[in-house]
Amino acid sequence: MAKREIGWHSQGFREMALEQLRTCQHIGKLCEELGVNRNTLRQWRRQMEARSEQRTASTVALAGETLEQENRRLKRALAEKVLEVDFLQGALHQVEARRRRNIASGGPAFTPKSGE
């Protein structure tokens, strides 16, 4: 049990050590200062890089899924707008046709109220 306590370092310590590793000039001196073996420091770096790659892959997957959802939402919105435009164009053609008939027949130049 004592051996495990000697070799154990908190996650905060590991992160601090890896941050110093990024900017250090001499890895051997850093290992001496921290009281950590070079191989242990390298292992921590590999583990951190692996976690970073996993996060990146999952972020890309989530971003792709989000883009697909947004694409579907925009396609639905576009389809609704196309239907609205078709409906309004049809209504406009009917109004124009009524107006032409009324002008040609000499009747009033307005459209009747709905329900008449």
PDB file of N, CA and C in Angstrom:
ATOM      1  N   MET A   1       0.818  -1.192   0.000  1.00  0.00           N
ATOM      2  CA  MET A   1       0.000   0.000   0.000  1.00  0.00           C
ATOM      3  C   MET A   1       0.855   1.246   0.000  1.00  0.00           C
ATOM      4  N   ALA A   2       1.966   1.234   0.677  1.00  0.00           N
ATOM      5  CA  ALA A   2       2.846   2.399   0.717  1.00  0.00           C
ATOM      6  C   ALA A   2       3.410   2.693  -0.668  1.00  0.00           C
ATOM      7  N   LYS A   3       3.688   1.648  -1.438  1.00  0.00           N
ATOM      8  CA  LYS A   3       4.240   1.849  -2.772  1.00  0.00           C
ATOM      9  C   LYS A   3       3.251   2.587  -3.669  1.00  0.00           C
ATOM     10  N   ARG A   4       1.977   2.264  -3.539  1.00  0.00           N
ATOM     11  CA  ARG A   4       0.960   2.912  -4.356  1.00  0.00           C
ATOM     12  C   ARG A   4       0.848   4.387  -4.007  1.00  0.00           C
ATOM     13  N   GLU A   5       0.951   4.730  -2.754  1.00  0.00           N
ATOM     14  CA  GLU A   5       0.875   6.127  -2.339  1.00  0.00           C
ATOM     15  C   GLU A   5       2.049   6.929  -2.882  1.00  0.00           C
ATOM     16  N   ILE A   6       3.209   6.325  -2.975  1.00  0.00           N
ATOM     17  CA  ILE A   6       4.381   7.027  -3.482  1.00  0.00           C
ATOM     18  C   ILE A   6       4.202   7.344  -4.958  1.00  0.00           C
ATOM     19  N   GLY A   7       3.681   6.427  -5.721  1.00  0.00           N
ATOM     20  CA  GLY A   7       3.544   6.604  -7.167  1.00  0.00           C
ATOM     21  C   GLY A   7       2.292   7.337  -7.606  1.00  0.00           C
ATOM     22  N   TRP A   8       1.415   7.669  -6.686  1.00  0.00           N
ATOM     23  CA  TRP A   8       0.146   8.281  -7.057  1.00  0.00           C
ATOM     24  C   TRP A   8       0.254   9.800  -7.090  1.00  0.00           C
ATOM     25  N   HIS A   9      -0.282  10.412  -8.167  1.00  0.00           N
ATOM     26  CA  HIS A   9      -0.327  11.867  -8.286  1.00  0.00           C
ATOM     27  C   HIS A   9      -1.725  12.275  -8.714  1.00  0.00           C
ATOM     28  N   SER A  10      -2.207  13.382  -8.172  1.00  0.00           N
ATOM     29  CA  SER A  10      -3.558  13.845  -8.498  1.00  0.00           C
ATOM     30  C   SER A  10      -3.626  14.298  -9.952  1.00  0.00           C
ATOM     31  N   GLN A  11      -4.844  14.381 -10.446  1.00  0.00           N
ATOM     32  CA  GLN A  11      -5.054  14.827 -11.821  1.00  0.00           C
ATOM     33  C   GLN A  11      -4.560  16.270 -11.988  1.00  0.00           C
ATOM     34  N   GLY A  12      -4.769  17.092 -10.978  1.00  0.00           N
ATOM     35  CA  GLY A  12      -4.295  18.477 -11.025  1.00  0.00           C
ATOM     36  C   GLY A  12      -2.780  18.551 -11.145  1.00  0.00           C
ATOM     37  N   PHE A  13      -2.092  17.686 -10.398  1.00  0.00           N
ATOM     38  CA  PHE A  13      -0.628  17.644 -10.468  1.00  0.00           C
ATOM     39  C   PHE A  13      -0.178  17.218 -11.859  1.00  0.00           C
ATOM     40  N   ARG A  14      -0.854  16.211 -12.410  1.00  0.00           N
ATOM     41  CA  ARG A  14      -0.506  15.731 -13.747  1.00  0.00           C
ATOM     42  C   ARG A  14      -0.687  16.833 -14.789  1.00  0.00           C
ATOM     43  N   GLU A  15      -1.810  17.554 -14.695  1.00  0.00           N
ATOM     44  CA  GLU A  15      -2.067  18.631 -15.653  1.00  0.00           C
ATOM     45  C   GLU A  15      -1.020  19.729 -15.535  1.00  0.00           C
ATOM     46  N   MET A  16      -0.648  20.071 -14.288  1.00  0.00           N
ATOM     47  CA  MET A  16       0.375  21.085 -14.056  1.00  0.00           C
ATOM     48  C   MET A  16       1.711  20.618 -14.636  1.00  0.00           C
ATOM     49  N   ALA A  17       2.053  19.357 -14.424  1.00  0.00           N
ATOM     50  CA  ALA A  17       3.313  18.819 -14.927  1.00  0.00           C
ATOM     51  C   ALA A  17       3.327  18.834 -16.455  1.00  0.00           C
ATOM     52  N   LEU A  18       2.223  18.479 -17.080  1.00  0.00           N
ATOM     53  CA  LEU A  18       2.157  18.465 -18.544  1.00  0.00           C
ATOM     54  C   LEU A  18       2.203  19.882 -19.107  1.00  0.00           C
ATOM     55  N   GLU A  19       1.619  20.835 -18.405  1.00  0.00           N
ATOM     56  CA  GLU A  19       1.693  22.228 -18.835  1.00  0.00           C
ATOM     57  C   GLU A  19       3.146  22.706 -18.796  1.00  0.00           C
ATOM     58  N   GLN A  20       3.860  22.371 -17.724  1.00  0.00           N
ATOM     59  CA  GLN A  20       5.272  22.742 -17.640  1.00  0.00           C
ATOM     60  C   GLN A  20       6.095  22.027 -18.700  1.00  0.00           C
ATOM     61  N   LEU A  21       5.706  20.801 -19.030  1.00  0.00           N
ATOM     62  CA  LEU A  21       6.421  20.033 -20.046  1.00  0.00           C
ATOM     63  C   LEU A  21       6.346  20.727 -21.405  1.00  0.00           C
ATOM     64  N   ARG A  22       5.225  21.350 -21.694  1.00  0.00           N
ATOM     65  CA  ARG A  22       5.060  22.038 -22.983  1.00  0.00           C
ATOM     66  C   ARG A  22       6.056  23.178 -23.158  1.00  0.00           C
ATOM     67  N   THR A  23       6.417  23.833 -22.064  1.00  0.00           N
ATOM     68  CA  THR A  23       7.253  25.031 -22.162  1.00  0.00           C
ATOM     69  C   THR A  23       8.675  24.836 -21.652  1.00  0.00           C
ATOM     70  N   CYS A  24       9.005  23.649 -21.173  1.00  0.00           N
ATOM     71  CA  CYS A  24      10.328  23.467 -20.557  1.00  0.00           C
ATOM     72  C   CYS A  24      11.412  23.308 -21.617  1.00  0.00           C
ATOM     73  N   GLN A  25      12.624  23.647 -21.221  1.00  0.00           N
ATOM     74  CA  GLN A  25      13.779  23.519 -22.092  1.00  0.00           C
ATOM     75  C   GLN A  25      14.466  22.163 -21.917  1.00  0.00           C
ATOM     76  N   HIS A  26      14.431  21.644 -20.677  1.00  0.00           N
ATOM     77  CA  HIS A  26      15.156  20.407 -20.376  1.00  0.00           C
ATOM     78  C   HIS A  26      14.230  19.479 -19.585  1.00  0.00           C
ATOM     79  N   ILE A  27      13.829  18.391 -20.215  1.00  0.00           N
ATOM     80  CA  ILE A  27      12.879  17.466 -19.601  1.00  0.00           C
ATOM     81  C   ILE A  27      13.467  16.810 -18.355  1.00  0.00           C
ATOM     82  N   GLY A  28      14.738  16.486 -18.386  1.00  0.00           N
ATOM     83  CA  GLY A  28      15.392  15.832 -17.240  1.00  0.00           C
ATOM     84  C   GLY A  28      15.316  16.693 -15.989  1.00  0.00           C
ATOM     85  N   LYS A  29      15.580  17.985 -16.125  1.00  0.00           N
ATOM     86  CA  LYS A  29      15.518  18.894 -14.976  1.00  0.00           C
ATOM     87  C   LYS A  29      14.086  19.011 -14.455  1.00  0.00           C
ATOM     88  N   LEU A  30      13.127  19.050 -15.374  1.00  0.00           N
ATOM     89  CA  LEU A  30      11.724  19.127 -14.959  1.00  0.00           C
ATOM     90  C   LEU A  30      11.339  17.884 -14.160  1.00  0.00           C
ATOM     91  N   CYS A  31      11.745  16.724 -14.627  1.00  0.00           N
ATOM     92  CA  CYS A  31      11.441  15.476 -13.915  1.00  0.00           C
ATOM     93  C   CYS A  31      12.047  15.484 -12.514  1.00  0.00           C
ATOM     94  N   GLU A  32      13.272  16.002 -12.394  1.00  0.00           N
ATOM     95  CA  GLU A  32      13.901  16.090 -11.073  1.00  0.00           C
ATOM     96  C   GLU A  32      13.124  17.029 -10.160  1.00  0.00           C
ATOM     97  N   GLU A  33      12.742  18.187 -10.684  1.00  0.00           N
ATOM     98  CA  GLU A  33      11.989  19.167  -9.886  1.00  0.00           C
ATOM     99  C   GLU A  33      10.672  18.585  -9.395  1.00  0.00           C
ATOM    100  N   LEU A  34       9.994  17.856 -10.280  1.00  0.00           N
ATOM    101  CA  LEU A  34       8.675  17.319  -9.936  1.00  0.00           C
ATOM    102  C   LEU A  34       8.762  16.008  -9.161  1.00  0.00           C
ATOM    103  N   GLY A  35       9.911  15.342  -9.234  1.00  0.00           N
ATOM    104  CA  GLY A  35      10.047  14.044  -8.584  1.00  0.00           C
ATOM    105  C   GLY A  35       9.293  12.961  -9.329  1.00  0.00           C
ATOM    106  N   VAL A  36       9.295  13.071 -10.654  1.00  0.00           N
ATOM    107  CA  VAL A  36       8.547  12.139 -11.506  1.00  0.00           C
ATOM    108  C   VAL A  36       9.517  11.528 -12.508  1.00  0.00           C
ATOM    109  N   ASN A  37       9.335  10.254 -12.788  1.00  0.00           N
ATOM    110  CA  ASN A  37      10.142   9.556 -13.768  1.00  0.00           C
ATOM    111  C   ASN A  37       9.779  10.047 -15.173  1.00  0.00           C
ATOM    112  N   ARG A  38      10.783  10.062 -16.076  1.00  0.00           N
ATOM    113  CA  ARG A  38      10.532  10.481 -17.459  1.00  0.00           C
ATOM    114  C   ARG A  38       9.452   9.634 -18.122  1.00  0.00           C
ATOM    115  N   ASN A  39       9.529   8.332 -17.912  1.00  0.00           N
ATOM    116  CA  ASN A  39       8.555   7.433 -18.532  1.00  0.00           C
ATOM    117  C   ASN A  39       7.146   7.722 -18.023  1.00  0.00           C
ATOM    118  N   THR A  40       7.033   8.054 -16.747  1.00  0.00           N
ATOM    119  CA  THR A  40       5.719   8.391 -16.193  1.00  0.00           C
ATOM    120  C   THR A  40       5.188   9.659 -16.855  1.00  0.00           C
ATOM    121  N   LEU A  41       6.037  10.642 -17.027  1.00  0.00           N
ATOM    122  CA  LEU A  41       5.637  11.890 -17.672  1.00  0.00           C
ATOM    123  C   LEU A  41       5.212  11.642 -19.119  1.00  0.00           C
ATOM    124  N   ARG A  42       5.943  10.814 -19.817  1.00  0.00           N
ATOM    125  CA  ARG A  42       5.580  10.466 -21.204  1.00  0.00           C
ATOM    126  C   ARG A  42       4.238   9.731 -21.246  1.00  0.00           C
ATOM    127  N   GLN A  43       4.032   8.839 -20.281  1.00  0.00           N
ATOM    128  CA  GLN A  43       2.772   8.094 -20.219  1.00  0.00           C
ATOM    129  C   GLN A  43       1.604   9.053 -19.996  1.00  0.00           C
ATOM    130  N   TRP A  44       1.776  10.011 -19.085  1.00  0.00           N
ATOM    131  CA  TRP A  44       0.722  10.997 -18.839  1.00  0.00           C
ATOM    132  C   TRP A  44       0.420  11.793 -20.104  1.00  0.00           C
ATOM    133  N   ARG A  45       1.485  12.128 -20.841  1.00  0.00           N
ATOM    134  CA  ARG A  45       1.291  12.897 -22.080  1.00  0.00           C
ATOM    135  C   ARG A  45       0.509  12.077 -23.099  1.00  0.00           C
ATOM    136  N   ARG A  46       0.840  10.803 -23.251  1.00  0.00           N
ATOM    137  CA  ARG A  46       0.098   9.942 -24.187  1.00  0.00           C
ATOM    138  C   ARG A  46      -1.366   9.815 -23.777  1.00  0.00           C
ATOM    139  N   GLN A  47      -1.610   9.639 -22.487  1.00  0.00           N
ATOM    140  CA  GLN A  47      -2.987   9.532 -22.001  1.00  0.00           C
ATOM    141  C   GLN A  47      -3.760  10.817 -22.283  1.00  0.00           C
ATOM    142  N   MET A  48      -3.121  11.974 -22.047  1.00  0.00           N
ATOM    143  CA  MET A  48      -3.778  13.249 -22.289  1.00  0.00           C
ATOM    144  C   MET A  48      -4.097  13.416 -23.779  1.00  0.00           C
ATOM    145  N   GLU A  49      -3.150  13.057 -24.642  1.00  0.00           N
ATOM    146  CA  GLU A  49      -3.372  13.166 -26.084  1.00  0.00           C
ATOM    147  C   GLU A  49      -4.496  12.241 -26.531  1.00  0.00           C
ATOM    148  N   ALA A  50      -4.570  11.040 -25.960  1.00  0.00           N
ATOM    149  CA  ALA A  50      -5.637  10.103 -26.315  1.00  0.00           C
ATOM    150  C   ALA A  50      -6.997  10.664 -25.902  1.00  0.00           C
ATOM    151  N   ARG A  51      -7.070  11.238 -24.679  1.00  0.00           N
ATOM    152  CA  ARG A  51      -8.332  11.843 -24.230  1.00  0.00           C
ATOM    153  C   ARG A  51      -8.707  13.017 -25.115  1.00  0.00           C
ATOM    154  N   SER A  52      -7.728  13.800 -25.509  1.00  0.00           N
ATOM    155  CA  SER A  52      -7.973  14.956 -26.366  1.00  0.00           C
ATOM    156  C   SER A  52      -8.525  14.509 -27.720  1.00  0.00           C
ATOM    157  N   GLU A  53      -7.955  13.440 -28.282  1.00  0.00           N
ATOM    158  CA  GLU A  53      -8.433  12.918 -29.557  1.00  0.00           C
ATOM    159  C   GLU A  53      -9.859  12.387 -29.435  1.00  0.00           C
ATOM    160  N   GLN A  54     -10.168  11.727 -28.329  1.00  0.00           N
ATOM    161  CA  GLN A  54     -11.529  11.228 -28.118  1.00  0.00           C
ATOM    162  C   GLN A  54     -12.514  12.377 -28.048  1.00  0.00           C
ATOM    163  N   ARG A  55     -12.146  13.449 -27.313  1.00  0.00           N
ATOM    164  CA  ARG A  55     -13.023  14.616 -27.213  1.00  0.00           C
ATOM    165  C   ARG A  55     -13.229  15.246 -28.578  1.00  0.00           C
ATOM    166  N   THR A  56     -12.164  15.336 -29.362  1.00  0.00           N
ATOM    167  CA  THR A  56     -12.260  15.934 -30.690  1.00  0.00           C
ATOM    168  C   THR A  56     -13.183  15.104 -31.574  1.00  0.00           C
ATOM    169  N   ALA A  57     -13.039  13.795 -31.536  1.00  0.00           N
ATOM    170  CA  ALA A  57     -13.884  12.922 -32.353  1.00  0.00           C
ATOM    171  C   ALA A  57     -15.342  13.038 -31.947  1.00  0.00           C
ATOM    172  N   SER A  58     -15.614  13.074 -30.651  1.00  0.00           N
ATOM    173  CA  SER A  58     -17.003  13.183 -30.212  1.00  0.00           C
ATOM    174  C   SER A  58     -17.564  14.561 -30.535  1.00  0.00           C
ATOM    175  N   THR A  59     -16.746  15.607 -30.462  1.00  0.00           N
ATOM    176  CA  THR A  59     -17.201  16.949 -30.812  1.00  0.00           C
ATOM    177  C   THR A  59     -17.551  17.026 -32.283  1.00  0.00           C
ATOM    178  N   VAL A  60     -16.727  16.426 -33.127  1.00  0.00           N
ATOM    179  CA  VAL A  60     -16.996  16.418 -34.563  1.00  0.00           C
ATOM    180  C   VAL A  60     -18.283  15.657 -34.848  1.00  0.00           C
ATOM    181  N   ALA A  61     -18.485  14.525 -34.168  1.00  0.00           N
ATOM    182  CA  ALA A  61     -19.706  13.745 -34.366  1.00  0.00           C
ATOM    183  C   ALA A  61     -20.925  14.547 -33.948  1.00  0.00           C
ATOM    184  N   LEU A  62     -20.855  15.228 -32.809  1.00  0.00           N
ATOM    185  CA  LEU A  62     -21.979  16.046 -32.352  1.00  0.00           C
ATOM    186  C   LEU A  62     -22.220  17.207 -33.294  1.00  0.00           C
ATOM    187  N   ALA A  63     -21.172  17.831 -33.778  1.00  0.00           N
ATOM    188  CA  ALA A  63     -21.329  18.943 -34.707  1.00  0.00           C
ATOM    189  C   ALA A  63     -21.976  18.461 -35.995  1.00  0.00           C
ATOM    190  N   GLY A  64     -21.558  17.292 -36.477  1.00  0.00           N
ATOM    191  CA  GLY A  64     -22.161  16.727 -37.685  1.00  0.00           C
ATOM    192  C   GLY A  64     -23.631  16.436 -37.482  1.00  0.00           C
ATOM    193  N   GLU A  65     -23.982  15.896 -36.325  1.00  0.00           N
ATOM    194  CA  GLU A  65     -25.377  15.594 -36.032  1.00  0.00           C
ATOM    195  C   GLU A  65     -26.182  16.890 -35.936  1.00  0.00           C
ATOM    196  N   THR A  66     -25.619  17.891 -35.310  1.00  0.00           N
ATOM    197  CA  THR A  66     -26.307  19.165 -35.179  1.00  0.00           C
ATOM    198  C   THR A  66     -26.527  19.797 -36.542  1.00  0.00           C
ATOM    199  N   LEU A  67     -25.540  19.711 -37.415  1.00  0.00           N
ATOM    200  CA  LEU A  67     -25.683  20.260 -38.758  1.00  0.00           C
ATOM    201  C   LEU A  67     -26.762  19.523 -39.539  1.00  0.00           C
ATOM    202  N   GLU A  68     -26.823  18.214 -39.370  1.00  0.00           N
ATOM    203  CA  GLU A  68     -27.869  17.447 -40.052  1.00  0.00           C
ATOM    204  C   GLU A  68     -29.252  17.850 -39.548  1.00  0.00           C
ATOM    205  N   GLN A  69     -29.379  18.038 -38.237  1.00  0.00           N
ATOM    206  CA  GLN A  69     -30.667  18.464 -37.684  1.00  0.00           C
ATOM    207  C   GLN A  69     -31.049  19.839 -38.205  1.00  0.00           C
ATOM    208  N   GLU A  70     -30.095  20.739 -38.237  1.00  0.00           N
ATOM    209  CA  GLU A  70     -30.378  22.085 -38.743  1.00  0.00           C
ATOM    210  C   GLU A  70     -30.744  22.033 -40.220  1.00  0.00           C
ATOM    211  N   ASN A  71     -30.064  21.187 -40.975  1.00  0.00           N
ATOM    212  CA  ASN A  71     -30.368  21.036 -42.393  1.00  0.00           C
ATOM    213  C   ASN A  71     -31.805  20.551 -42.590  1.00  0.00           C
ATOM    214  N   ARG A  72     -32.221  19.547 -41.799  1.00  0.00           N
ATOM    215  CA  ARG A  72     -33.606  19.057 -41.895  1.00  0.00           C
ATOM    216  C   ARG A  72     -34.609  20.151 -41.535  1.00  0.00           C
ATOM    217  N   ARG A  73     -34.301  20.917 -40.467  1.00  0.00           N
ATOM    218  CA  ARG A  73     -35.190  21.992 -40.038  1.00  0.00           C
ATOM    219  C   ARG A  73     -35.320  23.053 -41.125  1.00  0.00           C
ATOM    220  N   LEU A  74     -34.215  23.414 -41.751  1.00  0.00           N
ATOM    221  CA  LEU A  74     -34.250  24.422 -42.801  1.00  0.00           C
ATOM    222  C   LEU A  74     -34.985  23.922 -44.043  1.00  0.00           C
ATOM    223  N   LYS A  75     -34.823  22.647 -44.369  1.00  0.00           N
ATOM    224  CA  LYS A  75     -35.552  22.090 -45.513  1.00  0.00           C
ATOM    225  C   LYS A  75     -37.059  22.112 -45.264  1.00  0.00           C
ATOM    226  N   ARG A  76     -37.467  21.786 -44.015  1.00  0.00           N
ATOM    227  CA  ARG A  76     -38.900  21.849 -43.688  1.00  0.00           C
ATOM    228  C   ARG A  76     -39.422  23.279 -43.791  1.00  0.00           C
ATOM    229  N   ALA A  77     -38.643  24.232 -43.276  1.00  0.00           N
ATOM    230  CA  ALA A  77     -39.049  25.638 -43.326  1.00  0.00           C
ATOM    231  C   ALA A  77     -39.163  26.108 -44.772  1.00  0.00           C
ATOM    232  N   LEU A  78     -38.222  25.698 -45.616  1.00  0.00           N
ATOM    233  CA  LEU A  78     -38.269  26.066 -47.029  1.00  0.00           C
ATOM    234  C   LEU A  78     -39.505  25.477 -47.701  1.00  0.00           C
ATOM    235  N   ALA A  79     -39.801  24.218 -47.409  1.00  0.00           N
ATOM    236  CA  ALA A  79     -40.982  23.579 -47.989  1.00  0.00           C
ATOM    237  C   ALA A  79     -42.258  24.310 -47.573  1.00  0.00           C
ATOM    238  N   GLU A  80     -42.348  24.718 -46.307  1.00  0.00           N
ATOM    239  CA  GLU A  80     -43.516  25.461 -45.846  1.00  0.00           C
ATOM    240  C   GLU A  80     -43.641  26.791 -46.578  1.00  0.00           C
ATOM    241  N   LYS A  81     -42.521  27.489 -46.768  1.00  0.00           N
ATOM    242  CA  LYS A  81     -42.547  28.782 -47.464  1.00  0.00           C
ATOM    243  C   LYS A  81     -42.938  28.607 -48.921  1.00  0.00           C
ATOM    244  N   VAL A  82     -42.489  27.538 -49.556  1.00  0.00           N
ATOM    245  CA  VAL A  82     -42.857  27.274 -50.947  1.00  0.00           C
ATOM    246  C   VAL A  82     -44.364  27.049 -51.039  1.00  0.00           C
ATOM    247  N   LEU A  83     -44.919  26.303 -50.083  1.00  0.00           N
ATOM    248  CA  LEU A  83     -46.367  26.085 -50.075  1.00  0.00           C
ATOM    249  C   LEU A  83     -47.126  27.399 -49.867  1.00  0.00           C
ATOM    250  N   GLU A  84     -46.627  28.249 -48.973  1.00  0.00           N
ATOM    251  CA  GLU A  84     -47.266  29.548 -48.745  1.00  0.00           C
ATOM    252  C   GLU A  84     -47.246  30.394 -50.017  1.00  0.00           C
ATOM    253  N   VAL A  85     -46.097  30.410 -50.697  1.00  0.00           N
ATOM    254  CA  VAL A  85     -45.984  31.196 -51.932  1.00  0.00           C
ATOM    255  C   VAL A  85     -46.946  30.656 -52.982  1.00  0.00           C
ATOM    256  N   ASP A  86     -47.019  29.343 -53.146  1.00  0.00           N
ATOM    257  CA  ASP A  86     -47.948  28.748 -54.112  1.00  0.00           C
ATOM    258  C   ASP A  86     -49.382  29.118 -53.783  1.00  0.00           C
ATOM    259  N   PHE A  87     -49.735  29.044 -52.498  1.00  0.00           N
ATOM    260  CA  PHE A  87     -51.099  29.391 -52.088  1.00  0.00           C
ATOM    261  C   PHE A  87     -51.401  30.853 -52.401  1.00  0.00           C
ATOM    262  N   LEU A  88     -50.473  31.743 -52.024  1.00  0.00           N
ATOM    263  CA  LEU A  88     -50.695  33.174 -52.246  1.00  0.00           C
ATOM    264  C   LEU A  88     -50.727  33.517 -53.734  1.00  0.00           C
ATOM    265  N   GLN A  89     -49.905  32.875 -54.532  1.00  0.00           N
ATOM    266  CA  GLN A  89     -49.945  33.116 -55.974  1.00  0.00           C
ATOM    267  C   GLN A  89     -51.284  32.672 -56.560  1.00  0.00           C
ATOM    268  N   GLY A  90     -51.784  31.518 -56.102  1.00  0.00           N
ATOM    269  CA  GLY A  90     -53.089  31.049 -56.561  1.00  0.00           C
ATOM    270  C   GLY A  90     -54.192  32.023 -56.169  1.00  0.00           C
ATOM    271  N   ALA A  91     -54.146  32.520 -54.930  1.00  0.00           N
ATOM    272  CA  ALA A  91     -55.153  33.480 -54.487  1.00  0.00           C
ATOM    273  C   ALA A  91     -55.044  34.765 -55.287  1.00  0.00           C
ATOM    274  N   LEU A  92     -53.852  35.226 -55.580  1.00  0.00           N
ATOM    275  CA  LEU A  92     -53.652  36.443 -56.361  1.00  0.00           C
ATOM    276  C   LEU A  92     -54.206  36.277 -57.771  1.00  0.00           C
ATOM    277  N   HIS A  93     -53.992  35.114 -58.374  1.00  0.00           N
ATOM    278  CA  HIS A  93     -54.537  34.860 -59.721  1.00  0.00           C
ATOM    279  C   HIS A  93     -56.059  34.901 -59.704  1.00  0.00           C
ATOM    280  N   GLN A  94     -56.666  34.352 -58.674  1.00  0.00           N
ATOM    281  CA  GLN A  94     -58.134  34.387 -58.574  1.00  0.00           C
ATOM    282  C   GLN A  94     -58.644  35.811 -58.427  1.00  0.00           C
ATOM    283  N   VAL A  95     -57.975  36.603 -57.597  1.00  0.00           N
ATOM    284  CA  VAL A  95     -58.382  37.993 -57.411  1.00  0.00           C
ATOM    285  C   VAL A  95     -58.243  38.767 -58.712  1.00  0.00           C
ATOM    286  N   GLU A  96     -57.129  38.561 -59.417  1.00  0.00           N
ATOM    287  CA  GLU A  96     -56.928  39.238 -60.698  1.00  0.00           C
ATOM    288  C   GLU A  96     -57.987  38.827 -61.715  1.00  0.00           C
ATOM    289  N   ALA A  97     -58.312  37.533 -61.725  1.00  0.00           N
ATOM    290  CA  ALA A  97     -59.331  37.054 -62.665  1.00  0.00           C
ATOM    291  C   ALA A  97     -60.677  37.686 -62.347  1.00  0.00           C
ATOM    292  N   ARG A  98     -61.059  37.788 -61.102  1.00  0.00           N
ATOM    293  CA  ARG A  98     -62.327  38.430 -60.730  1.00  0.00           C
ATOM    294  C   ARG A  98     -62.329  39.903 -61.119  1.00  0.00           C
ATOM    295  N   ARG A  99     -61.174  40.551 -60.861  1.00  0.00           N
ATOM    296  CA  ARG A  99     -61.093  41.967 -61.187  1.00  0.00           C
ATOM    297  C   ARG A  99     -61.235  42.183 -62.687  1.00  0.00           C
ATOM    298  N   ARG A 100     -60.609  41.343 -63.473  1.00  0.00           N
ATOM    299  CA  ARG A 100     -60.720  41.474 -64.941  1.00  0.00           C
ATOM    300  C   ARG A 100     -62.158  41.275 -65.400  1.00  0.00           C
ATOM    301  N   ARG A 101     -62.830  40.291 -64.799  1.00  0.00           N
ATOM    302  CA  ARG A 101     -64.238  40.061 -65.183  1.00  0.00           C
ATOM    303  C   ARG A 101     -65.096  41.258 -64.815  1.00  0.00           C
ATOM    304  N   ASN A 102     -64.850  41.811 -63.627  1.00  0.00           N
ATOM    305  CA  ASN A 102     -65.650  42.952 -63.186  1.00  0.00           C
ATOM    306  C   ASN A 102     -65.379  44.186 -64.047  1.00  0.00           C
ATOM    307  N   ILE A 103     -64.143  44.413 -64.427  1.00  0.00           N
ATOM    308  CA  ILE A 103     -63.810  45.564 -65.270  1.00  0.00           C
ATOM    309  C   ILE A 103     -64.400  45.365 -66.660  1.00  0.00           C
ATOM    310  N   ALA A 104     -64.276  44.143 -67.183  1.00  0.00           N
ATOM    311  CA  ALA A 104     -64.792  43.861 -68.525  1.00  0.00           C
ATOM    312  C   ALA A 104     -66.310  43.955 -68.554  1.00  0.00           C
ATOM    313  N   SER A 105     -66.985  43.600 -67.482  1.00  0.00           N
ATOM    314  CA  SER A 105     -68.447  43.617 -67.472  1.00  0.00           C
ATOM    315  C   SER A 105     -68.991  44.978 -67.058  1.00  0.00           C
ATOM    316  N   GLY A 106     -68.110  45.889 -66.638  1.00  0.00           N
ATOM    317  CA  GLY A 106     -68.569  47.207 -66.217  1.00  0.00           C
ATOM    318  C   GLY A 106     -69.028  47.229 -64.779  1.00  0.00           C
ATOM    319  N   GLY A 107     -68.814  46.158 -64.033  1.00  0.00           N
ATOM    320  CA  GLY A 107     -69.224  46.086 -62.625  1.00  0.00           C
ATOM    321  C   GLY A 107     -68.255  46.840 -61.740  1.00  0.00           C
ATOM    322  N   PRO A 108     -68.522  46.830 -60.442  1.00  0.00           N
ATOM    323  CA  PRO A 108     -67.638  47.515 -59.526  1.00  0.00           C
ATOM    324  C   PRO A 108     -66.241  46.869 -59.504  1.00  0.00           C
ATOM    325  N   ALA A 109     -65.217  47.687 -59.304  1.00  0.00           N
ATOM    326  CA  ALA A 109     -63.843  47.201 -59.343  1.00  0.00           C
ATOM    327  C   ALA A 109     -63.371  46.811 -57.945  1.00  0.00           C
ATOM    328  N   PHE A 110     -64.114  45.945 -57.340  1.00  0.00           N
ATOM    329  CA  PHE A 110     -63.678  45.432 -56.031  1.00  0.00           C
ATOM    330  C   PHE A 110     -64.077  43.989 -55.925  1.00  0.00           C
ATOM    331  N   THR A 111     -63.518  43.321 -55.002  1.00  0.00           N
ATOM    332  CA  THR A 111     -63.825  41.903 -54.822  1.00  0.00           C
ATOM    333  C   THR A 111     -64.902  41.784 -53.742  1.00  0.00           C
ATOM    334  N   PRO A 112     -65.779  40.820 -53.876  1.00  0.00           N
ATOM    335  CA  PRO A 112     -66.821  40.661 -52.859  1.00  0.00           C
ATOM    336  C   PRO A 112     -66.230  40.182 -51.531  1.00  0.00           C
ATOM    337  N   LYS A 113     -66.951  40.466 -50.458  1.00  0.00           N
ATOM    338  CA  LYS A 113     -66.516  39.994 -49.146  1.00  0.00           C
ATOM    339  C   LYS A 113     -66.656  38.482 -49.106  1.00  0.00           C
ATOM    340  N   SER A 114     -65.833  37.841 -48.320  1.00  0.00           N
ATOM    341  CA  SER A 114     -65.919  36.390 -48.232  1.00  0.00           C
ATOM    342  C   SER A 114     -67.233  36.026 -47.558  1.00  0.00           C
ATOM    343  N   GLY A 115     -67.835  34.969 -48.051  1.00  0.00           N
ATOM    344  CA  GLY A 115     -69.108  34.495 -47.516  1.00  0.00           C
ATOM    345  C   GLY A 115     -70.304  35.030 -48.297  1.00  0.00           C
ATOM    346  N   GLU A 116     -70.078  35.870 -49.292  1.00  0.00           N
ATOM    347  CA  GLU A 116     -71.199  36.406 -50.070  1.00  0.00           C
ATOM    348  C   GLU A 116     -71.431  35.565 -51.298  1.00  0.00           C
TER     349      GLU A 116
END
